[in-house]
C-alpha atoms as a PDB file:
ATOM      1  CA  MET A   1       0.000   0.000   0.000  1.00  0.00           C
ATOM      2  CA  ALA A   2       2.901   2.357   0.750  1.00  0.00           C
ATOM      3  CA  GLY A   3       4.159   1.758  -2.799  1.00  0.00           C
ATOM      4  CA  PHE A   4       0.690   2.486  -4.158  1.00  0.00           C
ATOM      5  CA  LEU A   5       0.557   5.775  -2.283  1.00  0.00           C
ATOM      6  CA  ARG A   6       3.904   6.811  -3.697  1.00  0.00           C
ATOM      7  CA  VAL A   7       2.794   5.981  -7.245  1.00  0.00           C
ATOM      8  CA  HIS A   8      -0.443   7.876  -6.647  1.00  0.00           C
ATOM      9  CA  SER A   9       1.548  11.053  -6.106  1.00  0.00           C
ATOM     10  CA  LEU A  10       3.390  10.718  -9.434  1.00  0.00           C
ATOM     11  CA  PRO A  11       2.436  12.800 -12.471  1.00  0.00           C
ATOM     12  CA  ILE A  12      -0.253  11.023 -14.546  1.00  0.00           C
ATOM     13  CA  TYR A  13       1.946  10.378 -17.594  1.00  0.00           C
ATOM     14  CA  ARG A  14       4.737   8.830 -15.522  1.00  0.00           C
ATOM     15  CA  CYS A  15       2.317   6.667 -13.558  1.00  0.00           C
ATOM     16  CA  GLN A  16       0.733   5.376 -16.762  1.00  0.00           C
ATOM     17  CA  ALA A  17       4.152   4.558 -18.216  1.00  0.00           C
ATOM     18  CA  ILE A  18       5.044   2.478 -15.151  1.00  0.00           C
ATOM     19  CA  ALA A  19       1.729   0.622 -15.319  1.00  0.00           C
ATOM     20  CA  TYR A  20       2.146  -0.058 -19.069  1.00  0.00           C
ATOM     21  CA  ALA A  21       5.676  -1.372 -18.597  1.00  0.00           C
ATOM     22  CA  SER A  22       4.542  -3.636 -15.755  1.00  0.00           C
ATOM     23  CA  ALA A  23       1.748  -5.077 -17.904  1.00  0.00           C
ATOM     24  CA  CYS A  24       4.119  -5.741 -20.813  1.00  0.00           C
ATOM     25  CA  LEU A  25       6.575  -7.496 -18.510  1.00  0.00           C
ATOM     26  CA  LEU A  26       3.853  -9.672 -17.048  1.00  0.00           C
ATOM     27  CA  PHE A  27       2.523 -10.794 -20.419  1.00  0.00           C
ATOM     28  CA  PHE A  28       6.047 -11.378 -21.761  1.00  0.00           C
ATOM     29  CA  HIS A  29       6.757 -13.770 -18.897  1.00  0.00           C
ATOM     30  CA  LEU A  30       3.414 -15.410 -19.523  1.00  0.00           C
ATOM     31  CA  SER A  31       4.302 -16.026 -23.176  1.00  0.00           C
ATOM     32  CA  VAL A  32       7.794 -17.477 -22.649  1.00  0.00           C
ATOM     33  CA  SER A  33       7.510 -19.192 -19.289  1.00  0.00           C
ATOM     34  CA  GLU A  34       6.777 -22.874 -18.874  1.00  0.00           C
ATOM     35  CA  LYS A  35       4.964 -22.202 -15.586  1.00  0.00           C
ATOM     36  CA  PRO A  36       1.148 -22.433 -15.506  1.00  0.00           C
ATOM     37  CA  ALA A  37      -0.627 -19.199 -16.403  1.00  0.00           C
ATOM     38  CA  MET A  38      -2.418 -19.207 -13.039  1.00  0.00           C
ATOM     39  CA  VAL A  39       0.908 -18.428 -11.357  1.00  0.00           C
ATOM     40  CA  TYR A  40       0.957 -15.041 -13.097  1.00  0.00           C
ATOM     41  CA  PHE A  41      -2.740 -14.266 -12.733  1.00  0.00           C
ATOM     42  CA  LYS A  42      -2.196 -13.638  -9.036  1.00  0.00           C
ATOM     43  CA  PHE A  43      -0.387 -10.408 -10.058  1.00  0.00           C
ATOM     44  CA  LEU A  44      -3.429  -9.055 -11.942  1.00  0.00           C
ATOM     45  CA  PRO A  45      -5.133  -7.418  -8.897  1.00  0.00           C
ATOM     46  CA  ALA A  46      -1.958  -5.467  -8.170  1.00  0.00           C
ATOM     47  CA  LEU A  47      -1.790  -4.374 -11.824  1.00  0.00           C
ATOM     48  CA  VAL A  48      -5.432  -3.224 -11.740  1.00  0.00           C
ATOM     49  CA  LEU A  49      -4.729  -1.285  -8.536  1.00  0.00           C
ATOM     50  CA  LEU A  50      -1.701   0.335 -10.165  1.00  0.00           C
ATOM     51  CA  LEU A  51      -3.740   1.422 -13.183  1.00  0.00           C
ATOM     52  CA  SER A  52      -6.482   2.866 -10.987  1.00  0.00           C
ATOM     53  CA  ALA A  53      -3.885   4.962  -9.196  1.00  0.00           C
ATOM     54  CA  CYS A  54      -3.147   6.694 -12.490  1.00  0.00           C
ATOM     55  CA  SER A  55      -6.593   8.229 -12.829  1.00  0.00           C
ATOM     56  CA  PRO A  56      -6.586  12.032 -12.588  1.00  0.00           C
ATOM     57  CA  GLN A  57      -7.465  13.427  -9.162  1.00  0.00           C
ATOM     58  CA  PRO A  58      -9.851  16.354  -8.755  1.00  0.00           C
ATOM     59  CA  GLU A  59      -8.074  19.630  -8.110  1.00  0.00           C
ATOM     60  CA  ALA A  60      -8.645  21.385  -4.807  1.00  0.00           C
ATOM     61  CA  PRO A  61     -10.942  24.405  -5.112  1.00  0.00           C
ATOM     62  CA  VAL A  62      -9.133  27.701  -5.451  1.00  0.00           C
ATOM     63  CA  GLU A  63      -9.960  30.005  -2.538  1.00  0.00           C
ATOM     64  CA  THR A  64      -9.186  33.661  -1.948  1.00  0.00           C
ATOM     65  CA  PRO A  65      -6.176  33.649   0.370  1.00  0.00           C
ATOM     66  CA  ILE A  66      -6.800  35.102   3.810  1.00  0.00           C
ATOM     67  CA  LYS A  67      -3.796  36.705   5.407  1.00  0.00           C
ATOM     68  CA  SER A  68      -3.048  35.645   8.963  1.00  0.00           C
ATOM     69  CA  PRO A  69      -0.912  38.280  10.628  1.00  0.00           C
ATOM     70  CA  VAL A  70       1.077  37.055  13.596  1.00  0.00           C
ATOM     71  CA  ASP A  71       1.001  40.430  15.344  1.00  0.00           C
ATOM     72  CA  LEU A  72      -0.465  43.914  15.200  1.00  0.00           C
ATOM     73  CA  ALA A  73       2.183  45.106  12.737  1.00  0.00           C
ATOM     74  CA  GLY A  74       1.117  42.353  10.348  1.00  0.00           C
ATOM     75  CA  PHE A  75      -2.522  43.373  10.734  1.00  0.00           C
ATOM     76  CA  PHE A  76      -1.717  46.999   9.859  1.00  0.00           C
ATOM     77  CA  ASP A  77       0.342  45.830   6.868  1.00  0.00           C
ATOM     78  CA  CYS A  78      -2.585  43.754   5.644  1.00  0.00           C
ATOM     79  CA  VAL A  79      -4.953  46.725   5.938  1.00  0.00           C
ATOM     80  CA  ARG A  80      -2.531  48.862   3.895  1.00  0.00           C
ATOM     81  CA  GLU A  81      -1.907  46.213   1.242  1.00  0.00           C
ATOM     82  CA  GLU A  82      -5.644  45.612   0.829  1.00  0.00           C
ATOM     83  CA  GLY A  83      -6.370  49.326   0.373  1.00  0.00           C
ATOM     84  CA  ARG A  84      -8.600  49.452   3.447  1.00  0.00           C
ATOM     85  CA  VAL A  85      -8.978  52.118   6.144  1.00  0.00           C
ATOM     86  CA  LEU A  86      -9.145  51.862   9.928  1.00  0.00           C
ATOM     87  CA  ILE A  87     -10.970  54.464  11.985  1.00  0.00           C
ATOM     88  CA  SER A  88      -9.237  55.912  15.047  1.00  0.00           C
ATOM     89  CA  ALA A  89     -11.879  57.116  17.503  1.00  0.00           C
ATOM     90  CA  HIS A  90     -10.615  60.264  19.245  1.00  0.00           C
ATOM     91  CA  ARG A  91     -11.079  59.929  23.020  1.00  0.00           C
ATOM     92  CA  GLY A  92     -12.731  56.586  22.422  1.00  0.00           C
ATOM     93  CA  GLY A  93     -15.492  57.821  20.100  1.00  0.00           C
ATOM     94  CA  PRO A  94     -18.025  59.705  22.278  1.00  0.00           C
ATOM     95  CA  ILE A  95     -21.435  60.130  20.662  1.00  0.00           C
ATOM     96  CA  GLY A  96     -24.905  60.908  21.994  1.00  0.00           C
ATOM     97  CA  ASP A  97     -25.344  59.341  25.429  1.00  0.00           C
ATOM     98  CA  TYR A  98     -21.879  57.783  25.328  1.00  0.00           C
ATOM     99  CA  PRO A  99     -19.142  59.856  27.035  1.00  0.00           C
ATOM    100  CA  GLU A 100     -15.469  60.078  26.155  1.00  0.00           C
ATOM    101  CA  ASN A 101     -12.950  57.639  27.647  1.00  0.00           C
ATOM    102  CA  ALA A 102     -15.622  55.162  28.772  1.00  0.00           C
ATOM    103  CA  ILE A 103     -15.584  51.398  28.271  1.00  0.00           C
ATOM    104  CA  GLU A 104     -19.292  51.498  27.395  1.00  0.00           C
ATOM    105  CA  THR A 105     -18.454  53.934  24.586  1.00  0.00           C
ATOM    106  CA  PHE A 106     -15.666  51.669  23.370  1.00  0.00           C
ATOM    107  CA  ALA A 107     -18.123  48.775  23.151  1.00  0.00           C
ATOM    108  CA  HIS A 108     -20.598  50.925  21.208  1.00  0.00           C
ATOM    109  CA  ASN A 109     -17.910  51.750  18.637  1.00  0.00           C
ATOM    110  CA  VAL A 110     -16.518  48.227  18.306  1.00  0.00           C
ATOM    111  CA  ALA A 111     -20.021  46.889  17.655  1.00  0.00           C
ATOM    112  CA  ALA A 112     -19.872  48.742  14.311  1.00  0.00           C
ATOM    113  CA  GLY A 113     -16.498  47.319  13.256  1.00  0.00           C
ATOM    114  CA  PRO A 114     -12.793  47.114  14.097  1.00  0.00           C
ATOM    115  CA  VAL A 115     -11.462  50.355  15.478  1.00  0.00           C
ATOM    116  CA  LEU A 116      -8.556  52.102  17.138  1.00  0.00           C
ATOM    117  CA  LEU A 117      -9.654  53.699  20.398  1.00  0.00           C
ATOM    118  CA  GLU A 118      -7.532  56.706  21.330  1.00  0.00           C
ATOM    119  CA  VAL A 119      -7.609  57.054  25.127  1.00  0.00           C
ATOM    120  CA  ASP A 120      -5.949  59.322  27.686  1.00  0.00           C
ATOM    121  CA  VAL A 121      -3.965  57.748  30.523  1.00  0.00           C
ATOM    122  CA  ARG A 122      -3.401  59.390  33.909  1.00  0.00           C
ATOM    123  CA  GLN A 123      -2.317  58.132  37.334  1.00  0.00           C
ATOM    124  CA  SER A 124      -3.912  58.700  40.743  1.00  0.00           C
ATOM    125  CA  THR A 125      -1.916  59.591  43.840  1.00  0.00           C
ATOM    126  CA  ASP A 126      -2.066  55.964  44.967  1.00  0.00           C
ATOM    127  CA  GLY A 127      -0.691  54.642  41.680  1.00  0.00           C
ATOM    128  CA  VAL A 128      -3.843  53.580  39.801  1.00  0.00           C
ATOM    129  CA  LEU A 129      -3.701  54.216  36.042  1.00  0.00           C
ATOM    130  CA  PHE A 130      -7.041  55.506  34.753  1.00  0.00           C
ATOM    131  CA  LEU A 131      -8.585  57.070  31.633  1.00  0.00           C
ATOM    132  CA  TYR A 132      -9.442  60.773  31.597  1.00  0.00           C
ATOM    133  CA  HIS A 133      -8.501  63.568  29.212  1.00  0.00           C
ATOM    134  CA  ASP A 134      -8.575  66.870  31.082  1.00  0.00           C
ATOM    135  CA  ASP A 135      -6.436  67.896  34.020  1.00  0.00           C
ATOM    136  CA  ASP A 136      -9.647  69.093  35.715  1.00  0.00           C
ATOM    137  CA  LEU A 137     -12.739  67.020  36.484  1.00  0.00           C
ATOM    138  CA  GLY A 138     -15.314  69.716  35.722  1.00  0.00           C
ATOM    139  CA  ARG A 139     -15.953  69.434  31.962  1.00  0.00           C
ATOM    140  CA  ALA A 140     -16.391  65.685  31.491  1.00  0.00           C
ATOM    141  CA  SER A 141     -17.513  64.374  34.899  1.00  0.00           C
ATOM    142  CA  THR A 142     -19.652  65.187  37.922  1.00  0.00           C
ATOM    143  CA  GLY A 143     -16.504  65.940  39.915  1.00  0.00           C
ATOM    144  CA  SER A 144     -14.701  69.245  40.214  1.00  0.00           C
ATOM    145  CA  GLY A 145     -11.181  70.514  40.686  1.00  0.00           C
ATOM    146  CA  PRO A 146      -7.791  69.303  39.494  1.00  0.00           C
ATOM    147  CA  VAL A 147      -7.295  65.627  38.745  1.00  0.00           C
ATOM    148  CA  SER A 148      -3.810  65.669  40.206  1.00  0.00           C
ATOM    149  CA  GLY A 149      -3.658  65.039  43.922  1.00  0.00           C
ATOM    150  CA  LEU A 150      -6.709  62.736  44.002  1.00  0.00           C
ATOM    151  CA  SER A 151      -6.729  59.105  45.067  1.00  0.00           C
ATOM    152  CA  TRP A 152      -8.464  56.433  43.045  1.00  0.00           C
ATOM    153  CA  ALA A 153     -11.239  56.217  45.656  1.00  0.00           C
ATOM    154  CA  GLU A 154     -11.933  59.929  45.189  1.00  0.00           C
ATOM    155  CA  LEU A 155     -11.811  59.736  41.393  1.00  0.00           C
ATOM    156  CA  SER A 156     -14.057  56.688  41.178  1.00  0.00           C
ATOM    157  CA  ARG A 157     -16.918  58.516  42.905  1.00  0.00           C
ATOM    158  CA  SER A 158     -17.376  60.773  39.858  1.00  0.00           C
ATOM    159  CA  ARG A 159     -19.726  59.887  37.016  1.00  0.00           C
ATOM    160  CA  LEU A 160     -18.946  60.707  33.407  1.00  0.00           C
ATOM    161  CA  LEU A 161     -20.950  63.275  31.421  1.00  0.00           C
ATOM    162  CA  ASP A 162     -22.134  62.574  27.877  1.00  0.00           C
ATOM    163  CA  VAL A 163     -21.433  64.834  24.901  1.00  0.00           C
ATOM    164  CA  ASN A 164     -24.381  67.049  25.873  1.00  0.00           C
ATOM    165  CA  GLY A 165     -23.156  67.472  29.441  1.00  0.00           C
ATOM    166  CA  GLN A 166     -25.717  65.106  30.938  1.00  0.00           C
ATOM    167  CA  GLN A 167     -24.754  62.750  33.753  1.00  0.00           C
ATOM    168  CA  THR A 168     -24.452  59.067  32.881  1.00  0.00           C
ATOM    169  CA  ASP A 169     -24.186  55.959  35.047  1.00  0.00           C
ATOM    170  CA  PHE A 170     -20.665  55.364  33.748  1.00  0.00           C
ATOM    171  CA  SER A 171     -17.620  55.711  35.984  1.00  0.00           C
ATOM    172  CA  ILE A 172     -14.069  56.747  35.154  1.00  0.00           C
ATOM    173  CA  PRO A 173     -12.436  53.455  34.104  1.00  0.00           C
ATOM    174  CA  THR A 174      -9.034  52.145  35.055  1.00  0.00           C
ATOM    175  CA  LEU A 175      -6.567  51.403  32.291  1.00  0.00           C
ATOM    176  CA  GLU A 176      -6.443  47.809  33.487  1.00  0.00           C
ATOM    177  CA  ALA A 177     -10.215  47.417  33.083  1.00  0.00           C
ATOM    178  CA  ALA A 178     -10.027  48.868  29.564  1.00  0.00           C
ATOM    179  CA  LEU A 179      -7.176  46.546  28.579  1.00  0.00           C
ATOM    180  CA  LEU A 180      -8.966  43.467  29.890  1.00  0.00           C
ATOM    181  CA  TRP A 181     -12.183  44.515  28.132  1.00  0.00           C
ATOM    182  CA  ALA A 182     -10.361  44.900  24.795  1.00  0.00           C
ATOM    183  CA  LYS A 183      -8.452  41.649  25.049  1.00  0.00           C
ATOM    184  CA  ASP A 184     -10.895  39.450  23.110  1.00  0.00           C
ATOM    185  CA  LYS A 185     -12.218  42.131  20.744  1.00  0.00           C
ATOM    186  CA  PRO A 186     -11.088  43.763  17.461  1.00  0.00           C
ATOM    187  CA  ALA A 187     -10.131  46.891  19.368  1.00  0.00           C
ATOM    188  CA  ILE A 188      -6.724  48.559  19.482  1.00  0.00           C
ATOM    189  CA  LEU A 189      -6.130  50.933  22.384  1.00  0.00           C
ATOM    190  CA  GLN A 190      -4.102  53.984  21.381  1.00  0.00           C
ATOM    191  CA  LEU A 191      -2.528  55.263  24.589  1.00  0.00           C
ATOM    192  CA  ASP A 192      -1.986  59.013  25.002  1.00  0.00           C
ATOM    193  CA  ILE A 193      -0.007  59.037  28.240  1.00  0.00           C
ATOM    194  CA  LYS A 194      -0.484  62.295  30.121  1.00  0.00           C
ATOM    195  CA  PRO A 195       2.154  63.964  32.333  1.00  0.00           C
ATOM    196  CA  GLY A 196       2.467  62.258  35.690  1.00  0.00           C
ATOM    197  CA  ALA A 197       1.769  58.744  34.414  1.00  0.00           C
ATOM    198  CA  PRO A 198       5.145  56.936  34.385  1.00  0.00           C
ATOM    199  CA  TYR A 199       5.943  54.997  31.231  1.00  0.00           C
ATOM    200  CA  GLN A 200       7.371  52.195  33.364  1.00  0.00           C
ATOM    201  CA  ASP A 201       4.053  51.704  35.169  1.00  0.00           C
ATOM    202  CA  VAL A 202       2.120  51.681  31.894  1.00  0.00           C
ATOM    203  CA  THR A 203       4.373  49.122  30.224  1.00  0.00           C
ATOM    204  CA  ALA A 204       4.389  46.966  33.374  1.00  0.00           C
ATOM    205  CA  LEU A 205       0.580  46.862  33.252  1.00  0.00           C
ATOM    206  CA  LEU A 206       0.668  45.993  29.543  1.00  0.00           C
ATOM    207  CA  ARG A 207       2.885  43.005  30.284  1.00  0.00           C
ATOM    208  CA  GLN A 208       0.773  42.000  33.280  1.00  0.00           C
ATOM    209  CA  THR A 209      -2.427  41.960  31.202  1.00  0.00           C
ATOM    210  CA  GLY A 210      -0.767  40.441  28.127  1.00  0.00           C
ATOM    211  CA  MET A 211      -1.807  43.418  26.004  1.00  0.00           C
ATOM    212  CA  THR A 212       1.481  44.793  24.691  1.00  0.00           C
ATOM    213  CA  GLY A 213       0.552  43.397  21.273  1.00  0.00           C
ATOM    214  CA  GLN A 214      -2.860  45.084  21.092  1.00  0.00           C
ATOM    215  CA  ILE A 215      -2.001  48.723  21.798  1.00  0.00           C
ATOM    216  CA  VAL A 216      -0.353  51.672  20.089  1.00  0.00           C
ATOM    217  CA  MET A 217       1.624  54.139  22.184  1.00  0.00           C
ATOM    218  CA  ILE A 218       1.420  57.773  21.106  1.00  0.00           C
ATOM    219  CA  SER A 219       4.716  59.652  21.166  1.00  0.00           C
ATOM    220  CA  TYR A 220       5.281  63.375  20.673  1.00  0.00           C
ATOM    221  CA  SER A 221       9.052  63.426  20.247  1.00  0.00           C
ATOM    222  CA  ALA A 222      11.929  61.203  19.226  1.00  0.00           C
ATOM    223  CA  ALA A 223      13.058  61.019  22.864  1.00  0.00           C
ATOM    224  CA  GLN A 224       9.637  59.846  23.985  1.00  0.00           C
ATOM    225  CA  ALA A 225       9.505  57.240  21.227  1.00  0.00           C
ATOM    226  CA  ARG A 226      12.917  55.917  22.234  1.00  0.00           C
ATOM    227  CA  ALA A 227      11.854  55.670  25.875  1.00  0.00           C
ATOM    228  CA  PHE A 228       8.678  53.778  24.983  1.00  0.00           C
ATOM    229  CA  HIS A 229      10.501  51.466  22.607  1.00  0.00           C
ATOM    230  CA  ASN A 230      13.193  50.635  25.157  1.00  0.00           C
ATOM    231  CA  LEU A 231      10.521  49.648  27.687  1.00  0.00           C
ATOM    232  CA  ALA A 232       8.309  47.721  25.243  1.00  0.00           C
ATOM    233  CA  PRO A 233      10.257  46.839  22.052  1.00  0.00           C
ATOM    234  CA  SER A 234       7.397  44.836  20.531  1.00  0.00           C
ATOM    235  CA  ALA A 235       4.783  47.593  20.935  1.00  0.00           C
ATOM    236  CA  MET A 236       3.591  49.745  18.042  1.00  0.00           C
ATOM    237  CA  LEU A 237       4.224  53.497  18.256  1.00  0.00           C
ATOM    238  CA  SER A 238       2.515  56.458  16.643  1.00  0.00           C
ATOM    239  CA  ILE A 239       5.330  58.852  15.722  1.00  0.00           C
ATOM    240  CA  SER A 240       5.251  62.370  14.228  1.00  0.00           C
ATOM    241  CA  ALA A 241       5.967  61.862  10.539  1.00  0.00           C
ATOM    242  CA  GLY A 242       6.127  65.190   8.716  1.00  0.00           C
ATOM    243  CA  SER A 243       9.327  65.972   6.791  1.00  0.00           C
ATOM    244  CA  GLY A 244      12.203  66.261   9.243  1.00  0.00           C
ATOM    245  CA  ALA A 245      10.005  65.171  12.149  1.00  0.00           C
ATOM    246  CA  ALA A 246      10.770  62.533  14.774  1.00  0.00           C
ATOM    247  CA  LEU A 247      10.112  59.547  12.520  1.00  0.00           C
ATOM    248  CA  ASP A 248      12.795  60.530   9.984  1.00  0.00           C
ATOM    249  CA  GLN A 249      15.331  60.932  12.767  1.00  0.00           C
ATOM    250  CA  LEU A 250      14.440  57.599  14.363  1.00  0.00           C
ATOM    251  CA  LEU A 251      14.583  55.684  11.084  1.00  0.00           C
ATOM    252  CA  GLN A 252      18.072  57.075  10.448  1.00  0.00           C
ATOM    253  CA  GLU A 253      19.052  55.733  13.868  1.00  0.00           C
ATOM    254  CA  GLY A 254      17.808  52.265  12.935  1.00  0.00           C
ATOM    255  CA  PHE A 255      14.392  52.329  14.603  1.00  0.00           C
ATOM    256  CA  PRO A 256      12.382  49.350  13.237  1.00  0.00           C
ATOM    257  CA  ALA A 257       9.929  50.615  10.627  1.00  0.00           C
ATOM    258  CA  ASP A 258       7.531  47.752  11.342  1.00  0.00           C
ATOM    259  CA  ARG A 259       6.924  49.163  14.851  1.00  0.00           C
ATOM    260  CA  ALA A 260       5.933  52.621  13.570  1.00  0.00           C
ATOM    261  CA  LEU A 261       2.747  54.336  12.478  1.00  0.00           C
ATOM    262  CA  GLY A 262       3.245  57.758  10.882  1.00  0.00           C
ATOM    263  CA  TRP A 263       1.237  60.580  12.477  1.00  0.00           C
ATOM    264  CA  MET A 264       0.656  63.201   9.767  1.00  0.00           C
ATOM    265  CA  GLY A 265      -1.032  65.758  12.026  1.00  0.00           C
ATOM    266  CA  ILE A 266      -4.488  67.290  11.842  1.00  0.00           C
ATOM    267  CA  GLY A 267      -5.671  68.538   8.455  1.00  0.00           C
ATOM    268  CA  THR A 268      -4.428  67.950   4.930  1.00  0.00           C
ATOM    269  CA  PRO A 269      -1.086  66.107   5.069  1.00  0.00           C
ATOM    270  CA  GLU A 270       2.071  67.338   3.397  1.00  0.00           C
ATOM    271  CA  ALA A 271       2.076  66.581  -0.344  1.00  0.00           C
ATOM    272  CA  GLY A 272       3.744  63.285  -1.185  1.00  0.00           C
ATOM    273  CA  ARG A 273       4.461  62.415   2.426  1.00  0.00           C
ATOM    274  CA  VAL A 274       1.721  59.796   2.758  1.00  0.00           C
ATOM    275  CA  GLN A 275       2.972  58.038  -0.372  1.00  0.00           C
ATOM    276  CA  HIS A 276       6.540  58.172   0.968  1.00  0.00           C
ATOM    277  CA  LEU A 277       5.565  56.438   4.200  1.00  0.00           C
ATOM    278  CA  SER A 278       3.512  53.814   2.383  1.00  0.00           C
ATOM    279  CA  ALA A 279       6.515  53.013   0.191  1.00  0.00           C
ATOM    280  CA  LEU A 280       8.514  52.395   3.385  1.00  0.00           C
ATOM    281  CA  GLY A 281       5.842  50.016   4.660  1.00  0.00           C
ATOM    282  CA  ILE A 282       4.733  52.466   7.356  1.00  0.00           C
ATOM    283  CA  GLU A 283       1.010  53.075   7.794  1.00  0.00           C
ATOM    284  CA  PRO A 284       0.138  56.806   7.714  1.00  0.00           C
ATOM    285  CA  ILE A 285      -2.406  58.328  10.114  1.00  0.00           C
ATOM    286  CA  VAL A 286      -4.297  61.392   8.906  1.00  0.00           C
ATOM    287  CA  ALA A 287      -6.668  63.325  11.166  1.00  0.00           C
ATOM    288  CA  SER A 288      -9.865  65.290  10.625  1.00  0.00           C
ATOM    289  CA  MET A 289     -10.743  65.775  14.301  1.00  0.00           C
ATOM    290  CA  GLY A 290     -11.564  69.246  15.486  1.00  0.00           C
ATOM    291  CA  ALA A 291     -12.340  72.004  12.991  1.00  0.00           C
ATOM    292  CA  LEU A 292     -12.577  69.831   9.866  1.00  0.00           C
ATOM    293  CA  ASP A 293     -14.960  67.370  11.505  1.00  0.00           C
ATOM    294  CA  ARG A 294     -17.126  70.242  12.740  1.00  0.00           C
ATOM    295  CA  ARG A 295     -17.216  71.890   9.307  1.00  0.00           C
ATOM    296  CA  LEU A 296     -18.198  68.697   7.513  1.00  0.00           C
ATOM    297  CA  ALA A 297     -20.821  67.912  10.137  1.00  0.00           C
ATOM    298  CA  SER A 298     -22.420  71.359   9.844  1.00  0.00           C
ATOM    299  CA  SER A 299     -22.437  71.310   6.028  1.00  0.00           C
ATOM    300  CA  ASN A 300     -23.561  67.681   5.595  1.00  0.00           C
ATOM    301  CA  SER A 301     -20.486  67.115   3.418  1.00  0.00           C
ATOM    302  CA  ASP A 302     -19.410  63.695   4.658  1.00  0.00           C
ATOM    303  CA  ASP A 303     -18.441  62.668   1.115  1.00  0.00           C
ATOM    304  CA  GLU A 304     -15.439  64.992   1.459  1.00  0.00           C
ATOM    305  CA  TYR A 305     -13.838  62.439   3.785  1.00  0.00           C
ATOM    306  CA  VAL A 306     -13.182  60.276   0.718  1.00  0.00           C
ATOM    307  CA  GLN A 307     -11.108  63.025  -0.922  1.00  0.00           C
ATOM    308  CA  PHE A 308      -9.467  63.987   2.360  1.00  0.00           C
ATOM    309  CA  ILE A 309      -8.065  60.566   3.171  1.00  0.00           C
ATOM    310  CA  GLY A 310      -6.994  59.741  -0.396  1.00  0.00           C
ATOM    311  CA  PRO A 311      -6.084  56.264  -1.626  1.00  0.00           C
ATOM    312  CA  GLU A 312      -3.018  55.552   0.537  1.00  0.00           C
ATOM    313  CA  ALA A 313      -3.668  56.725   4.103  1.00  0.00           C
ATOM    314  CA  VAL A 314      -4.472  53.725   6.273  1.00  0.00           C
ATOM    315  CA  ILE A 315      -5.836  55.282   9.477  1.00  0.00           C
ATOM    316  CA  LEU A 316      -8.160  58.263   9.897  1.00  0.00           C
ATOM    317  CA  ALA A 317      -8.400  59.848  13.360  1.00  0.00           C
ATOM    318  CA  THR A 318     -11.753  61.535  13.854  1.00  0.00           C
ATOM    319  CA  ASP A 319     -14.339  62.785  16.336  1.00  0.00           C
ATOM    320  CA  ARG A 320     -17.091  61.360  14.090  1.00  0.00           C
ATOM    321  CA  THR A 321     -16.443  57.638  13.996  1.00  0.00           C
ATOM    322  CA  PHE A 322     -19.824  56.504  12.728  1.00  0.00           C
ATOM    323  CA  ALA A 323     -20.231  59.219  10.081  1.00  0.00           C
ATOM    324  CA  VAL A 324     -16.733  58.620   8.707  1.00  0.00           C
ATOM    325  CA  ARG A 325     -17.192  54.852   8.605  1.00  0.00           C
ATOM    326  CA  ALA A 326     -20.431  55.285   6.653  1.00  0.00           C
ATOM    327  CA  ALA A 327     -18.841  57.774   4.238  1.00  0.00           C
ATOM    328  CA  LEU A 328     -15.714  55.732   3.494  1.00  0.00           C
ATOM    329  CA  GLN A 329     -17.071  52.170   3.621  1.00  0.00           C
ATOM    330  CA  ARG A 330     -13.501  50.896   3.456  1.00  0.00           C
ATOM    331  CA  ASP A 331     -13.552  48.591   6.457  1.00  0.00           C
ATOM    332  CA  ASP A 332     -16.524  46.466   5.348  1.00  0.00           C
ATOM    333  CA  GLY A 333     -15.586  42.807   5.723  1.00  0.00           C
ATOM    334  CA  LEU A 334     -12.067  43.794   6.769  1.00  0.00           C
ATOM    335  CA  LEU A 335     -11.720  41.034   9.344  1.00  0.00           C
ATOM    336  CA  ASP A 336     -12.574  38.427   6.691  1.00  0.00           C
ATOM    337  CA  VAL A 337      -9.467  39.469   4.768  1.00  0.00           C
ATOM    338  CA  CYS A 338      -7.157  40.533   7.590  1.00  0.00           C
ATOM    339  CA  PRO A 339      -7.934  38.464  10.695  1.00  0.00           C
ATOM    340  CA  PHE A 340      -7.345  40.448  13.848  1.00  0.00           C
ATOM    341  CA  PRO A 341      -4.551  39.072  16.046  1.00  0.00           C
ATOM    342  CA  VAL A 342      -6.597  39.001  19.254  1.00  0.00           C
ATOM    343  CA  GLY A 343      -4.644  37.877  22.277  1.00  0.00           C
ATOM    344  CA  ASN A 344      -1.148  38.255  20.793  1.00  0.00           C
END
């Protein structure tokens, strides 16, 4: 049987030649031998089996290949190579009754599709890392006064306000809770680490939760990027990427391009710069948040997002996650083509 299996793997023409030669040899011996013919007939079943092995086998169906990235860098590469776009939800994508920097808001956004969730990381006086943008509690929560100098127990008593300033039932979340929530979902946390939150504590928590491979750290200078990279070499970094900005300097120093996303700033990016980054295999981030988002919202001109992002930008940071996703329609079925590396 082992011999049969080996023959079965031969090209059809070669298999048939072997079978034909075997048959000729058998009948030659039959014609010249003095032994009874029945002695040779016992070889006929083997010959029939050999001939049957030469029949053509049906070809396997051709399927569209699905890329399987081994890490977040591979996922971003797949998105770029497929001409798709990821939405980056500024402050986690607040909308309607859903406040900024809230896990409930993150879940609302992820329900519509894969997303980057830009969040703001601070630290309480007793060492708890939590999510909150402002340095004062008044605008976005029921609390008041400076955030600095408060313990986690004091901070956790506040409730978050929605985009209309109405109180919600949602509390200020810890970074740990947000990381654990995101762990089994197509959500990438983009960490904007505010002054007073030590990088060492953030990266230690990333390792503790096993989430280093599902976050992007935002850096504002080459020095900050180096510090982050030294603490978490496998993490992805968002790095300023205009001409002569931090990214150019870091690449000249040998910074690994596959760990970088290129932040192009808010508004129309520098001509040719997006294409330059794409050619280097670095995914560009363009941003419409702020004035441009407000203008397009007030003029009902969401179609302008298509022209704004162009064909080569990979990530669009916005205050209007749902409107932009509907206008672009470039992440439909994305996870069928570029499986998300959850848990890496």
